[in-house]
Amino acid sequence: MDDTFRSIPFEPRELKATPDVLEKIYAAAKLGIKGDALAFAAGLLPIEYRRLTALDKAASIAEAKGRADSEVEAAAVVRNAAMEGDSKAAMALLTHLHDWMPKQQINIDVKSQISITAALQEAESRVIEGRILQGEVVALDQDRHTLPSLTQEMVNAS
């Protein structure tokens, strides 16, 4: 074995925001890719991408521009669909862009109103008095699992 030092050829990668790198960053950001995946899509290691954005603001601008252009395209699609009559797209526009919320309450206008408390009081008095089916009195000590039998009069009356 040779005891001499062997040199391994190494050339450090030059970190520059070339037009090609900026275009790759823009394209990846426009697709919605973020973080380390964006760095790899641009042909950089994540550490290289972070250094590049710290040293050259053009990389950050390319990323921001890609995201903005993607958002513009998506918003145009939603707006066009809403203008063509798509109600879901129109609701999405109203809620997300204009902070509009549909009403959460429903107004019911009925001429004759039912009093819930009066209905509950009536039901309670029937239970306490033991009145069932047209005022028939049933003994309270009867087996709870058996119902009183209906007479032929009760069947004909209903």
N, C-alpha and C. Protein backbone atom coordinates (compact mmCIF):
# COMPACT_ATOMS: atom_id res chain seq x y z
N MET A 1 0.84 -1.17 0.00
CA MET A 1 0.00 0.00 0.00
C MET A 1 0.88 1.24 0.00
N ASP A 2 0.44 2.23 -0.74
CA ASP A 2 1.21 3.45 -0.87
C ASP A 2 0.86 4.40 0.28
N ASP A 3 1.86 4.91 0.99
CA ASP A 3 1.64 5.78 2.13
C ASP A 3 1.53 7.26 1.76
N THR A 4 1.50 7.55 0.52
CA THR A 4 1.42 8.96 0.12
C THR A 4 -0.02 9.44 0.18
N PHE A 5 -0.18 10.72 0.39
CA PHE A 5 -1.50 11.33 0.46
C PHE A 5 -2.10 11.41 -0.93
N ARG A 6 -3.32 10.96 -1.05
CA ARG A 6 -4.00 11.03 -2.33
C ARG A 6 -5.02 12.16 -2.30
N SER A 7 -5.00 12.95 -3.26
CA SER A 7 -5.90 14.08 -3.35
C SER A 7 -7.19 13.66 -4.06
N ILE A 8 -8.29 14.00 -3.46
CA ILE A 8 -9.59 13.74 -4.07
C ILE A 8 -10.02 15.02 -4.75
N PRO A 9 -10.29 14.96 -6.00
CA PRO A 9 -10.69 16.20 -6.68
C PRO A 9 -12.04 16.68 -6.15
N PHE A 10 -12.09 17.91 -5.74
CA PHE A 10 -13.31 18.51 -5.21
C PHE A 10 -13.41 19.93 -5.70
N GLU A 11 -14.53 20.22 -6.26
CA GLU A 11 -14.77 21.57 -6.70
C GLU A 11 -16.07 22.03 -6.06
N PRO A 12 -16.02 23.04 -5.18
CA PRO A 12 -17.26 23.48 -4.52
C PRO A 12 -18.24 24.05 -5.54
N ARG A 13 -19.51 23.83 -5.29
CA ARG A 13 -20.54 24.34 -6.19
C ARG A 13 -20.68 25.84 -5.99
N GLU A 14 -20.78 26.53 -7.06
CA GLU A 14 -20.93 27.97 -6.99
C GLU A 14 -22.41 28.29 -6.82
N LEU A 15 -22.70 29.07 -5.80
CA LEU A 15 -24.08 29.45 -5.52
C LEU A 15 -24.38 30.79 -6.17
N LYS A 16 -25.14 30.73 -7.24
CA LYS A 16 -25.49 31.94 -7.96
C LYS A 16 -26.93 31.84 -8.41
N ALA A 17 -27.60 32.95 -8.37
CA ALA A 17 -28.98 33.00 -8.84
C ALA A 17 -28.98 33.25 -10.34
N THR A 18 -28.65 32.20 -11.08
CA THR A 18 -28.63 32.30 -12.54
C THR A 18 -30.07 32.32 -13.05
N PRO A 19 -30.27 32.80 -14.27
CA PRO A 19 -31.63 32.79 -14.83
C PRO A 19 -32.25 31.39 -14.85
N ASP A 20 -31.43 30.36 -15.10
CA ASP A 20 -31.95 28.99 -15.12
C ASP A 20 -32.43 28.56 -13.73
N VAL A 21 -31.66 28.86 -12.69
CA VAL A 21 -32.04 28.50 -11.32
C VAL A 21 -33.29 29.28 -10.90
N LEU A 22 -33.32 30.57 -11.24
CA LEU A 22 -34.48 31.39 -10.88
C LEU A 22 -35.75 30.88 -11.58
N GLU A 23 -35.61 30.45 -12.82
CA GLU A 23 -36.75 29.90 -13.56
C GLU A 23 -37.25 28.61 -12.92
N LYS A 24 -36.32 27.76 -12.46
CA LYS A 24 -36.71 26.52 -11.78
C LYS A 24 -37.40 26.82 -10.45
N ILE A 25 -36.90 27.80 -9.71
CA ILE A 25 -37.54 28.18 -8.44
C ILE A 25 -38.95 28.71 -8.71
N TYR A 26 -39.07 29.57 -9.72
CA TYR A 26 -40.37 30.13 -10.09
C TYR A 26 -41.37 29.02 -10.46
N ALA A 27 -40.93 28.09 -11.31
CA ALA A 27 -41.82 27.02 -11.78
C ALA A 27 -42.26 26.12 -10.63
N ALA A 28 -41.34 25.79 -9.73
CA ALA A 28 -41.69 24.92 -8.59
C ALA A 28 -42.65 25.64 -7.65
N ALA A 29 -42.40 26.92 -7.38
CA ALA A 29 -43.29 27.67 -6.49
C ALA A 29 -44.67 27.84 -7.11
N LYS A 30 -44.73 27.99 -8.42
CA LYS A 30 -46.01 28.14 -9.12
C LYS A 30 -46.84 26.87 -9.00
N LEU A 31 -46.17 25.72 -8.93
CA LEU A 31 -46.87 24.45 -8.75
C LEU A 31 -47.31 24.22 -7.29
N GLY A 32 -46.86 25.09 -6.39
CA GLY A 32 -47.25 24.95 -4.98
C GLY A 32 -46.25 24.17 -4.15
N ILE A 33 -45.09 23.89 -4.69
CA ILE A 33 -44.07 23.14 -3.96
C ILE A 33 -43.41 24.08 -2.96
N LYS A 34 -43.14 23.55 -1.76
CA LYS A 34 -42.57 24.38 -0.69
C LYS A 34 -41.37 23.69 -0.05
N GLY A 35 -40.61 24.47 0.69
CA GLY A 35 -39.53 23.96 1.53
C GLY A 35 -38.44 23.22 0.79
N ASP A 36 -38.03 22.09 1.37
CA ASP A 36 -36.94 21.30 0.81
C ASP A 36 -37.28 20.77 -0.58
N ALA A 37 -38.55 20.44 -0.81
CA ALA A 37 -38.95 19.93 -2.12
C ALA A 37 -38.74 21.00 -3.19
N LEU A 38 -38.98 22.26 -2.86
CA LEU A 38 -38.74 23.35 -3.80
C LEU A 38 -37.25 23.45 -4.13
N ALA A 39 -36.41 23.31 -3.11
CA ALA A 39 -34.97 23.37 -3.33
C ALA A 39 -34.52 22.25 -4.28
N PHE A 40 -34.98 21.03 -4.02
CA PHE A 40 -34.61 19.90 -4.88
C PHE A 40 -35.15 20.09 -6.30
N ALA A 41 -36.36 20.61 -6.42
CA ALA A 41 -36.94 20.85 -7.75
C ALA A 41 -36.13 21.88 -8.53
N ALA A 42 -35.50 22.80 -7.83
CA ALA A 42 -34.68 23.83 -8.48
C ALA A 42 -33.25 23.34 -8.74
N GLY A 43 -32.95 22.10 -8.34
CA GLY A 43 -31.62 21.55 -8.57
C GLY A 43 -30.62 21.94 -7.48
N LEU A 44 -31.13 22.33 -6.32
CA LEU A 44 -30.27 22.75 -5.22
C LEU A 44 -30.51 21.85 -4.01
N LEU A 45 -29.52 21.81 -3.14
CA LEU A 45 -29.72 21.17 -1.84
C LEU A 45 -30.47 22.17 -0.96
N PRO A 46 -31.21 21.69 0.03
CA PRO A 46 -31.96 22.62 0.89
C PRO A 46 -31.07 23.69 1.54
N ILE A 47 -29.88 23.30 1.99
CA ILE A 47 -28.98 24.28 2.61
C ILE A 47 -28.52 25.31 1.59
N GLU A 48 -28.31 24.85 0.34
CA GLU A 48 -27.90 25.79 -0.72
C GLU A 48 -29.03 26.77 -1.03
N TYR A 49 -30.25 26.27 -1.05
CA TYR A 49 -31.39 27.14 -1.34
C TYR A 49 -31.55 28.20 -0.25
N ARG A 50 -31.41 27.79 1.01
CA ARG A 50 -31.53 28.76 2.12
C ARG A 50 -30.42 29.81 2.04
N ARG A 51 -29.21 29.37 1.73
CA ARG A 51 -28.10 30.33 1.59
C ARG A 51 -28.35 31.27 0.41
N LEU A 52 -28.84 30.72 -0.69
CA LEU A 52 -29.08 31.54 -1.88
C LEU A 52 -30.14 32.61 -1.59
N THR A 53 -31.22 32.24 -0.90
CA THR A 53 -32.25 33.23 -0.58
C THR A 53 -31.74 34.28 0.41
N ALA A 54 -30.79 33.88 1.26
CA ALA A 54 -30.23 34.86 2.20
C ALA A 54 -29.26 35.81 1.50
N LEU A 55 -28.52 35.30 0.50
CA LEU A 55 -27.52 36.11 -0.17
C LEU A 55 -28.08 36.92 -1.35
N ASP A 56 -29.04 36.36 -2.04
CA ASP A 56 -29.57 37.01 -3.24
C ASP A 56 -31.10 37.04 -3.16
N LYS A 57 -31.65 38.22 -3.06
CA LYS A 57 -33.10 38.37 -2.91
C LYS A 57 -33.86 37.98 -4.18
N ALA A 58 -33.16 37.84 -5.29
CA ALA A 58 -33.81 37.44 -6.54
C ALA A 58 -34.45 36.06 -6.40
N ALA A 59 -33.83 35.17 -5.62
CA ALA A 59 -34.39 33.83 -5.41
C ALA A 59 -35.71 33.91 -4.65
N SER A 60 -35.76 34.74 -3.62
CA SER A 60 -36.99 34.92 -2.85
C SER A 60 -38.07 35.56 -3.72
N ILE A 61 -37.67 36.51 -4.56
CA ILE A 61 -38.62 37.17 -5.45
C ILE A 61 -39.18 36.18 -6.47
N ALA A 62 -38.32 35.30 -7.00
CA ALA A 62 -38.78 34.29 -7.97
C ALA A 62 -39.81 33.36 -7.32
N GLU A 63 -39.56 32.97 -6.08
CA GLU A 63 -40.50 32.11 -5.36
C GLU A 63 -41.84 32.83 -5.13
N ALA A 64 -41.76 34.07 -4.65
CA ALA A 64 -42.98 34.84 -4.39
C ALA A 64 -43.77 35.08 -5.67
N LYS A 65 -43.06 35.38 -6.75
CA LYS A 65 -43.73 35.63 -8.03
C LYS A 65 -44.41 34.36 -8.53
N GLY A 66 -43.78 33.21 -8.37
CA GLY A 66 -44.39 31.94 -8.78
C GLY A 66 -45.67 31.67 -8.01
N ARG A 67 -45.64 31.90 -6.69
CA ARG A 67 -46.84 31.68 -5.87
C ARG A 67 -47.95 32.65 -6.27
N ALA A 68 -47.59 33.92 -6.49
CA ALA A 68 -48.58 34.94 -6.85
C ALA A 68 -49.22 34.62 -8.20
N ASP A 69 -48.44 34.22 -9.19
CA ASP A 69 -48.99 33.90 -10.50
C ASP A 69 -49.93 32.69 -10.43
N SER A 70 -49.58 31.73 -9.60
CA SER A 70 -50.44 30.56 -9.42
C SER A 70 -51.77 30.96 -8.78
N GLU A 71 -51.70 31.84 -7.81
CA GLU A 71 -52.92 32.30 -7.14
C GLU A 71 -53.81 33.08 -8.10
N VAL A 72 -53.21 33.89 -8.95
CA VAL A 72 -53.97 34.67 -9.94
C VAL A 72 -54.69 33.71 -10.90
N GLU A 73 -54.00 32.69 -11.36
CA GLU A 73 -54.63 31.73 -12.28
C GLU A 73 -55.80 31.01 -11.63
N ALA A 74 -55.61 30.56 -10.39
CA ALA A 74 -56.68 29.85 -9.69
C ALA A 74 -57.87 30.78 -9.42
N ALA A 75 -57.59 32.02 -9.03
CA ALA A 75 -58.67 32.97 -8.77
C ALA A 75 -59.45 33.27 -10.05
N ALA A 76 -58.75 33.35 -11.17
CA ALA A 76 -59.42 33.61 -12.44
C ALA A 76 -60.35 32.46 -12.82
N VAL A 77 -59.92 31.23 -12.55
CA VAL A 77 -60.75 30.06 -12.86
C VAL A 77 -62.01 30.08 -12.00
N VAL A 78 -61.86 30.36 -10.70
CA VAL A 78 -63.01 30.40 -9.80
C VAL A 78 -63.96 31.54 -10.19
N ARG A 79 -63.40 32.70 -10.52
CA ARG A 79 -64.24 33.84 -10.89
C ARG A 79 -64.99 33.57 -12.19
N ASN A 80 -64.32 32.99 -13.17
CA ASN A 80 -64.99 32.66 -14.43
C ASN A 80 -66.12 31.66 -14.21
N ALA A 81 -65.88 30.67 -13.37
CA ALA A 81 -66.94 29.70 -13.07
C ALA A 81 -68.12 30.37 -12.38
N ALA A 82 -67.84 31.28 -11.46
CA ALA A 82 -68.91 31.99 -10.76
C ALA A 82 -69.71 32.86 -11.73
N MET A 83 -69.03 33.52 -12.66
CA MET A 83 -69.72 34.37 -13.62
C MET A 83 -70.56 33.56 -14.61
N GLU A 84 -70.20 32.29 -14.79
CA GLU A 84 -70.96 31.42 -15.69
C GLU A 84 -72.11 30.71 -14.97
N GLY A 85 -72.31 31.02 -13.68
CA GLY A 85 -73.46 30.47 -12.96
C GLY A 85 -73.18 29.37 -11.98
N ASP A 86 -71.94 29.03 -11.73
CA ASP A 86 -71.61 27.98 -10.76
C ASP A 86 -71.80 28.55 -9.35
N SER A 87 -72.83 28.07 -8.64
CA SER A 87 -73.15 28.63 -7.34
C SER A 87 -72.08 28.32 -6.28
N LYS A 88 -71.45 27.16 -6.37
CA LYS A 88 -70.39 26.84 -5.41
C LYS A 88 -69.19 27.77 -5.59
N ALA A 89 -68.86 28.06 -6.83
CA ALA A 89 -67.75 28.98 -7.09
C ALA A 89 -68.11 30.38 -6.60
N ALA A 90 -69.36 30.79 -6.79
CA ALA A 90 -69.79 32.10 -6.31
C ALA A 90 -69.72 32.18 -4.79
N MET A 91 -70.13 31.11 -4.11
CA MET A 91 -70.03 31.08 -2.64
C MET A 91 -68.58 31.14 -2.20
N ALA A 92 -67.69 30.45 -2.92
CA ALA A 92 -66.26 30.48 -2.58
C ALA A 92 -65.72 31.90 -2.73
N LEU A 93 -66.11 32.58 -3.79
CA LEU A 93 -65.67 33.97 -3.98
C LEU A 93 -66.15 34.85 -2.84
N LEU A 94 -67.42 34.74 -2.52
CA LEU A 94 -67.99 35.60 -1.48
C LEU A 94 -67.35 35.34 -0.12
N THR A 95 -67.17 34.07 0.23
CA THR A 95 -66.65 33.76 1.56
C THR A 95 -65.15 34.05 1.69
N HIS A 96 -64.36 33.69 0.68
CA HIS A 96 -62.91 33.82 0.82
C HIS A 96 -62.37 35.19 0.43
N LEU A 97 -62.99 35.83 -0.53
CA LEU A 97 -62.46 37.12 -0.98
C LEU A 97 -63.13 38.31 -0.30
N HIS A 98 -64.41 38.15 0.00
CA HIS A 98 -65.15 39.29 0.52
C HIS A 98 -65.59 39.11 1.98
N ASP A 99 -65.08 38.06 2.63
CA ASP A 99 -65.40 37.78 4.04
C ASP A 99 -66.90 37.75 4.30
N TRP A 100 -67.66 37.25 3.35
CA TRP A 100 -69.10 37.16 3.47
C TRP A 100 -69.45 35.82 4.07
N MET A 101 -70.40 35.82 4.99
CA MET A 101 -70.86 34.58 5.61
C MET A 101 -72.37 34.49 5.44
N PRO A 102 -72.88 33.32 5.05
CA PRO A 102 -74.34 33.18 4.94
C PRO A 102 -74.97 33.23 6.33
N LYS A 103 -76.23 33.63 6.39
CA LYS A 103 -76.92 33.70 7.68
C LYS A 103 -77.00 32.33 8.31
N GLN A 104 -76.82 32.29 9.60
CA GLN A 104 -76.86 31.03 10.33
C GLN A 104 -78.22 30.80 11.00
N GLN A 105 -79.09 31.76 10.93
CA GLN A 105 -80.40 31.61 11.56
C GLN A 105 -81.48 31.56 10.49
N ILE A 106 -82.58 30.93 10.83
CA ILE A 106 -83.70 30.81 9.91
C ILE A 106 -84.90 31.48 10.58
N ASN A 107 -85.53 32.38 9.86
CA ASN A 107 -86.73 33.04 10.37
C ASN A 107 -87.95 32.29 9.87
N ILE A 108 -88.80 31.87 10.80
CA ILE A 108 -90.03 31.17 10.46
C ILE A 108 -91.18 32.04 10.92
N ASP A 109 -92.04 32.37 9.99
CA ASP A 109 -93.18 33.21 10.31
C ASP A 109 -94.44 32.34 10.20
N VAL A 110 -95.01 31.96 11.34
CA VAL A 110 -96.19 31.12 11.38
C VAL A 110 -97.31 31.92 12.04
N LYS A 111 -98.51 31.84 11.48
CA LYS A 111 -99.63 32.61 12.03
C LYS A 111 -100.02 32.12 13.41
N SER A 112 -100.16 30.83 13.57
CA SER A 112 -100.51 30.30 14.89
C SER A 112 -99.27 29.66 15.48
N GLN A 113 -98.81 30.19 16.58
CA GLN A 113 -97.59 29.70 17.19
C GLN A 113 -97.93 28.64 18.24
N ILE A 114 -97.02 27.70 18.40
CA ILE A 114 -97.20 26.66 19.39
C ILE A 114 -96.33 27.00 20.58
N SER A 115 -96.93 26.99 21.74
CA SER A 115 -96.17 27.26 22.96
C SER A 115 -95.59 25.95 23.46
N ILE A 116 -94.28 25.86 23.47
CA ILE A 116 -93.62 24.64 23.91
C ILE A 116 -93.87 24.40 25.39
N THR A 117 -93.81 25.47 26.16
CA THR A 117 -94.02 25.31 27.61
C THR A 117 -95.44 24.85 27.89
N ALA A 118 -96.42 25.38 27.17
CA ALA A 118 -97.81 24.95 27.39
C ALA A 118 -97.99 23.49 27.00
N ALA A 119 -97.35 23.07 25.91
CA ALA A 119 -97.44 21.67 25.49
C ALA A 119 -96.79 20.75 26.51
N LEU A 120 -95.67 21.16 27.06
CA LEU A 120 -95.00 20.35 28.09
C LEU A 120 -95.84 20.26 29.35
N GLN A 121 -96.46 21.36 29.75
CA GLN A 121 -97.32 21.35 30.94
C GLN A 121 -98.51 20.43 30.73
N GLU A 122 -99.09 20.47 29.54
CA GLU A 122 -100.24 19.60 29.24
C GLU A 122 -99.83 18.14 29.28
N ALA A 123 -98.68 17.82 28.70
CA ALA A 123 -98.19 16.44 28.71
C ALA A 123 -97.89 15.98 30.13
N GLU A 124 -97.31 16.85 30.93
CA GLU A 124 -97.00 16.50 32.31
C GLU A 124 -98.27 16.25 33.11
N SER A 125 -99.29 17.08 32.89
CA SER A 125 -100.54 16.87 33.64
C SER A 125 -101.20 15.56 33.23
N ARG A 126 -101.08 15.16 31.97
CA ARG A 126 -101.64 13.87 31.55
C ARG A 126 -100.92 12.72 32.22
N VAL A 127 -99.61 12.82 32.35
CA VAL A 127 -98.84 11.75 32.99
C VAL A 127 -99.19 11.68 34.47
N ILE A 128 -99.26 12.83 35.13
CA ILE A 128 -99.54 12.85 36.58
C ILE A 128 -100.95 12.33 36.85
N GLU A 129 -101.92 12.74 36.05
CA GLU A 129 -103.31 12.32 36.27
C GLU A 129 -103.56 10.92 35.73
N GLY A 130 -102.67 10.40 34.93
CA GLY A 130 -102.85 9.06 34.39
C GLY A 130 -103.82 9.03 33.23
N ARG A 131 -104.04 10.17 32.55
CA ARG A 131 -104.98 10.21 31.43
C ARG A 131 -104.27 9.75 30.15
N ILE A 132 -104.90 8.80 29.45
CA ILE A 132 -104.36 8.32 28.19
C ILE A 132 -105.54 8.08 27.24
N LEU A 133 -105.37 8.36 25.97
CA LEU A 133 -106.35 8.06 24.93
C LEU A 133 -107.76 8.51 25.30
N GLN A 134 -108.09 9.71 25.00
CA GLN A 134 -109.41 10.30 25.19
C GLN A 134 -109.87 10.23 26.63
N GLY A 135 -109.00 10.50 27.55
CA GLY A 135 -109.37 10.62 28.96
C GLY A 135 -109.56 9.31 29.69
N GLU A 136 -109.20 8.17 29.11
CA GLU A 136 -109.35 6.89 29.82
C GLU A 136 -108.35 6.84 30.96
N VAL A 137 -108.79 6.52 32.15
CA VAL A 137 -107.93 6.46 33.32
C VAL A 137 -107.37 5.05 33.44
N VAL A 138 -106.07 4.96 33.59
CA VAL A 138 -105.39 3.68 33.71
C VAL A 138 -104.72 3.67 35.08
N ALA A 139 -104.82 2.58 35.76
CA ALA A 139 -104.19 2.48 37.07
C ALA A 139 -102.69 2.60 36.93
N LEU A 140 -102.05 3.40 37.82
CA LEU A 140 -100.62 3.64 37.73
C LEU A 140 -99.80 2.45 38.19
N ASP A 141 -100.41 1.51 38.92
CA ASP A 141 -99.63 0.38 39.41
C ASP A 141 -99.60 -0.77 38.40
N GLN A 142 -100.16 -0.58 37.21
CA GLN A 142 -100.11 -1.61 36.17
C GLN A 142 -98.67 -1.84 35.74
N ASP A 143 -98.44 -2.98 35.16
CA ASP A 143 -97.12 -3.29 34.64
C ASP A 143 -96.77 -2.25 33.57
N ARG A 144 -95.59 -1.66 33.68
CA ARG A 144 -95.19 -0.59 32.77
C ARG A 144 -94.97 -1.08 31.34
N HIS A 145 -94.70 -2.35 31.18
CA HIS A 145 -94.36 -2.88 29.86
C HIS A 145 -95.60 -3.24 29.05
N THR A 146 -96.78 -3.28 29.66
CA THR A 146 -97.98 -3.60 28.90
C THR A 146 -98.79 -2.34 28.70
N LEU A 147 -99.30 -2.17 27.53
CA LEU A 147 -100.12 -1.02 27.22
C LEU A 147 -101.58 -1.40 27.38
N PRO A 148 -102.43 -0.44 27.71
CA PRO A 148 -103.86 -0.76 27.81
C PRO A 148 -104.40 -1.14 26.43
N SER A 149 -105.33 -2.08 26.41
CA SER A 149 -105.89 -2.51 25.13
C SER A 149 -106.89 -1.48 24.64
N LEU A 150 -106.97 -1.34 23.35
CA LEU A 150 -107.87 -0.38 22.75
C LEU A 150 -109.25 -1.02 22.62
N THR A 151 -110.25 -0.25 22.97
CA THR A 151 -111.61 -0.74 22.77
C THR A 151 -112.02 -0.47 21.34
N GLN A 152 -113.07 -1.12 20.89
CA GLN A 152 -113.55 -0.93 19.52
C GLN A 152 -114.00 0.51 19.30
N GLU A 153 -114.54 1.16 20.34
CA GLU A 153 -114.97 2.56 20.24
C GLU A 153 -113.78 3.47 19.93
N MET A 154 -112.67 3.23 20.61
CA MET A 154 -111.48 4.06 20.40
C MET A 154 -110.94 3.88 18.98
N VAL A 155 -110.98 2.67 18.46
CA VAL A 155 -110.48 2.42 17.12
C VAL A 155 -111.35 3.10 16.10
N ASN A 156 -112.67 3.04 16.29
CA ASN A 156 -113.62 3.65 15.36
C ASN A 156 -113.57 5.16 15.43
N ALA A 157 -113.24 5.72 16.62
CA ALA A 157 -113.21 7.16 16.79
C ALA A 157 -112.03 7.80 16.06
N SER A 158 -110.97 7.04 15.86
CA SER A 158 -109.79 7.64 15.21
C SER A 158 -109.76 7.46 13.75
